[in-house]
């Protein structure tokens, strides 16, 4: 599975961005997809996880502001971000997971989101 993320950029606080992540390759193996982010000097953290079946989870810090969606026909996942805050500044990574006995994670290359105050 290969993942290609795009859509990052620089916005002012209160602005919006939409990230995209296109999956290719053995996409039938994917059981769920999500977004992570890593700010300078901090560990990578989960932003949202969208399983093929079940409920989507969001980090408390983004609930009500970020929305993940998936277009299975296009093998694409989106992250709509509104009311952005400077603390949302990070490199955002899309991820996919497959379960065949053990979990296997796939990662995109990351896209920079910068929110200025």
C-alpha atoms as a PDB file:
ATOM      1  CA  UNK A   1       0.000   0.000   0.000  1.00  0.00           C
ATOM      2  CA  UNK A   2       1.313   3.431  -0.956  1.00  0.00           C
ATOM      3  CA  UNK A   3      -0.088   6.658   0.454  1.00  0.00           C
ATOM      4  CA  UNK A   4       0.249  10.127  -1.048  1.00  0.00           C
ATOM      5  CA  UNK A   5      -0.766  13.075   1.121  1.00  0.00           C
ATOM      6  CA  UNK A   6      -1.363  16.608  -0.082  1.00  0.00           C
ATOM      7  CA  UNK A   7      -3.173  19.809   0.779  1.00  0.00           C
ATOM      8  CA  UNK A   8      -1.026  21.321   3.484  1.00  0.00           C
ATOM      9  CA  UNK A   9      -0.194  24.982   3.579  1.00  0.00           C
ATOM     10  CA  UNK A  10      -0.047  28.141   5.654  1.00  0.00           C
ATOM     11  CA  UNK A  11      -3.146  29.816   7.021  1.00  0.00           C
ATOM     12  CA  UNK A  12      -4.027  32.296   9.710  1.00  0.00           C
ATOM     13  CA  UNK A  13      -5.734  31.257  12.904  1.00  0.00           C
ATOM     14  CA  UNK A  14      -9.406  30.615  12.283  1.00  0.00           C
ATOM     15  CA  UNK A  15      -8.773  29.493   8.740  1.00  0.00           C
ATOM     16  CA  UNK A  16      -9.465  26.185   7.061  1.00  0.00           C
ATOM     17  CA  UNK A  17      -7.573  23.572   5.094  1.00  0.00           C
ATOM     18  CA  UNK A  18      -8.425  20.247   3.560  1.00  0.00           C
ATOM     19  CA  UNK A  19      -5.875  17.478   3.387  1.00  0.00           C
ATOM     20  CA  UNK A  20      -6.112  14.568   0.988  1.00  0.00           C
ATOM     21  CA  UNK A  21      -4.537  11.132   1.055  1.00  0.00           C
ATOM     22  CA  UNK A  22      -4.678   8.835  -1.937  1.00  0.00           C
ATOM     23  CA  UNK A  23      -4.049   5.140  -1.404  1.00  0.00           C
ATOM     24  CA  UNK A  24      -2.741   2.870  -4.135  1.00  0.00           C
ATOM     25  CA  UNK A  25      -1.454  -0.650  -4.430  1.00  0.00           C
ATOM     26  CA  UNK A  26      -3.053  -3.369  -2.326  1.00  0.00           C
ATOM     27  CA  UNK A  27      -5.852  -1.158  -1.043  1.00  0.00           C
ATOM     28  CA  UNK A  28      -8.123  -4.144  -0.431  1.00  0.00           C
ATOM     29  CA  UNK A  29      -5.888  -4.979   2.517  1.00  0.00           C
ATOM     30  CA  UNK A  30      -6.704  -1.731   4.295  1.00  0.00           C
ATOM     31  CA  UNK A  31      -8.843  -2.109   7.413  1.00  0.00           C
ATOM     32  CA  UNK A  32      -8.700   1.508   8.478  1.00  0.00           C
ATOM     33  CA  UNK A  33      -7.089   4.850   7.741  1.00  0.00           C
ATOM     34  CA  UNK A  34      -6.168   7.802   9.850  1.00  0.00           C
ATOM     35  CA  UNK A  35      -4.251  11.009  10.239  1.00  0.00           C
ATOM     36  CA  UNK A  36      -1.371  11.657  12.605  1.00  0.00           C
ATOM     37  CA  UNK A  37       0.598  14.817  13.199  1.00  0.00           C
ATOM     38  CA  UNK A  38       3.967  15.713  14.599  1.00  0.00           C
ATOM     39  CA  UNK A  39       4.851  19.156  15.827  1.00  0.00           C
ATOM     40  CA  UNK A  40       8.480  20.266  16.229  1.00  0.00           C
ATOM     41  CA  UNK A  41      10.012  18.725  19.327  1.00  0.00           C
ATOM     42  CA  UNK A  42       6.957  16.590  20.026  1.00  0.00           C
ATOM     43  CA  UNK A  43       5.979  13.016  19.477  1.00  0.00           C
ATOM     44  CA  UNK A  44       3.716  11.981  16.656  1.00  0.00           C
ATOM     45  CA  UNK A  45       0.111  11.912  17.818  1.00  0.00           C
ATOM     46  CA  UNK A  46      -3.089  10.471  16.479  1.00  0.00           C
ATOM     47  CA  UNK A  47      -5.497  13.036  15.080  1.00  0.00           C
ATOM     48  CA  UNK A  48      -8.244  10.759  13.836  1.00  0.00           C
ATOM     49  CA  UNK A  49      -8.793   7.131  12.925  1.00  0.00           C
ATOM     50  CA  UNK A  50     -11.478   5.897  10.549  1.00  0.00           C
ATOM     51  CA  UNK A  51     -11.979   2.132  10.485  1.00  0.00           C
ATOM     52  CA  UNK A  52     -13.709   0.404   7.570  1.00  0.00           C
ATOM     53  CA  UNK A  53     -16.352  -0.633  10.062  1.00  0.00           C
ATOM     54  CA  UNK A  54     -17.114   1.070  13.323  1.00  0.00           C
ATOM     55  CA  UNK A  55     -16.903   4.543  14.747  1.00  0.00           C
ATOM     56  CA  UNK A  56     -14.385   7.188  13.888  1.00  0.00           C
ATOM     57  CA  UNK A  57     -12.226   8.497  16.708  1.00  0.00           C
ATOM     58  CA  UNK A  58     -10.821  11.990  17.097  1.00  0.00           C
ATOM     59  CA  UNK A  59      -8.259  13.454  19.433  1.00  0.00           C
ATOM     60  CA  UNK A  60      -9.945  15.657  22.013  1.00  0.00           C
ATOM     61  CA  UNK A  61      -7.979  18.641  20.764  1.00  0.00           C
ATOM     62  CA  UNK A  62      -9.600  18.508  17.311  1.00  0.00           C
ATOM     63  CA  UNK A  63     -13.129  17.353  18.080  1.00  0.00           C
ATOM     64  CA  UNK A  64     -15.690  19.645  16.549  1.00  0.00           C
ATOM     65  CA  UNK A  65     -13.109  21.245  14.254  1.00  0.00           C
ATOM     66  CA  UNK A  66     -11.707  18.394  12.156  1.00  0.00           C
ATOM     67  CA  UNK A  67     -13.720  15.954  10.081  1.00  0.00           C
ATOM     68  CA  UNK A  68     -12.363  12.889   8.327  1.00  0.00           C
ATOM     69  CA  UNK A  69     -14.086  11.353   5.340  1.00  0.00           C
ATOM     70  CA  UNK A  70     -13.297   8.606   2.872  1.00  0.00           C
ATOM     71  CA  UNK A  71     -14.213   8.164  -0.760  1.00  0.00           C
ATOM     72  CA  UNK A  72     -13.780   4.457  -1.338  1.00  0.00           C
ATOM     73  CA  UNK A  73     -14.353   4.779  -5.088  1.00  0.00           C
ATOM     74  CA  UNK A  74     -11.319   7.070  -5.293  1.00  0.00           C
ATOM     75  CA  UNK A  75      -9.328   5.335  -2.535  1.00  0.00           C
ATOM     76  CA  UNK A  76      -8.985   8.751  -0.971  1.00  0.00           C
ATOM     77  CA  UNK A  77      -9.244  10.015   2.586  1.00  0.00           C
ATOM     78  CA  UNK A  78      -9.797  13.653   3.431  1.00  0.00           C
ATOM     79  CA  UNK A  79      -9.287  15.713   6.541  1.00  0.00           C
ATOM     80  CA  UNK A  80     -11.337  18.876   6.637  1.00  0.00           C
ATOM     81  CA  UNK A  81      -9.910  21.262   9.216  1.00  0.00           C
ATOM     82  CA  UNK A  82     -11.714  24.405  10.324  1.00  0.00           C
ATOM     83  CA  UNK A  83     -11.132  26.958  13.047  1.00  0.00           C
ATOM     84  CA  UNK A  84      -7.439  26.201  12.887  1.00  0.00           C
ATOM     85  CA  UNK A  85      -5.249  27.210  15.803  1.00  0.00           C
ATOM     86  CA  UNK A  86      -1.502  27.854  15.987  1.00  0.00           C
ATOM     87  CA  UNK A  87      -1.179  24.671  18.030  1.00  0.00           C
ATOM     88  CA  UNK A  88      -2.414  22.708  15.025  1.00  0.00           C
ATOM     89  CA  UNK A  89       0.873  23.516  13.310  1.00  0.00           C
ATOM     90  CA  UNK A  90       2.578  20.233  12.492  1.00  0.00           C
ATOM     91  CA  UNK A  91       3.497  17.822   9.759  1.00  0.00           C
ATOM     92  CA  UNK A  92       0.420  15.742   9.061  1.00  0.00           C
ATOM     93  CA  UNK A  93       0.802  12.117   8.029  1.00  0.00           C
ATOM     94  CA  UNK A  94      -1.817   9.835   6.614  1.00  0.00           C
ATOM     95  CA  UNK A  95      -1.718   6.236   7.661  1.00  0.00           C
ATOM     96  CA  UNK A  96      -3.389   2.975   6.770  1.00  0.00           C
ATOM     97  CA  UNK A  97      -3.506  -0.254   8.721  1.00  0.00           C
ATOM     98  CA  UNK A  98      -4.127  -3.833   7.698  1.00  0.00           C
ATOM     99  CA  UNK A  99      -4.739  -6.764  10.017  1.00  0.00           C
ATOM    100  CA  UNK A 100      -3.546 -10.218   9.008  1.00  0.00           C
ATOM    101  CA  UNK A 101      -2.754 -11.700  12.368  1.00  0.00           C
ATOM    102  CA  UNK A 102      -0.652  -8.675  13.227  1.00  0.00           C
ATOM    103  CA  UNK A 103      -1.198  -5.034  12.453  1.00  0.00           C
ATOM    104  CA  UNK A 104       0.812  -3.573   9.595  1.00  0.00           C
ATOM    105  CA  UNK A 105       0.986   0.197   9.233  1.00  0.00           C
ATOM    106  CA  UNK A 106       1.601   2.177   6.085  1.00  0.00           C
ATOM    107  CA  UNK A 107       2.600   5.840   6.033  1.00  0.00           C
ATOM    108  CA  UNK A 108       2.399   8.720   3.607  1.00  0.00           C
ATOM    109  CA  UNK A 109       5.183  11.256   3.249  1.00  0.00           C
ATOM    110  CA  UNK A 110       3.640  14.004   5.389  1.00  0.00           C
ATOM    111  CA  UNK A 111       2.330  17.435   4.538  1.00  0.00           C
ATOM    112  CA  UNK A 112       3.123  20.616   6.464  1.00  0.00           C
ATOM    113  CA  UNK A 113       0.335  22.635   8.056  1.00  0.00           C
ATOM    114  CA  UNK A 114       1.310  25.999   9.506  1.00  0.00           C
ATOM    115  CA  UNK A 115      -1.169  28.167  11.374  1.00  0.00           C
ATOM    116  CA  UNK A 116      -0.114  31.687  12.268  1.00  0.00           C
ATOM    117  CA  UNK A 117      -1.680  33.816  14.970  1.00  0.00           C
END
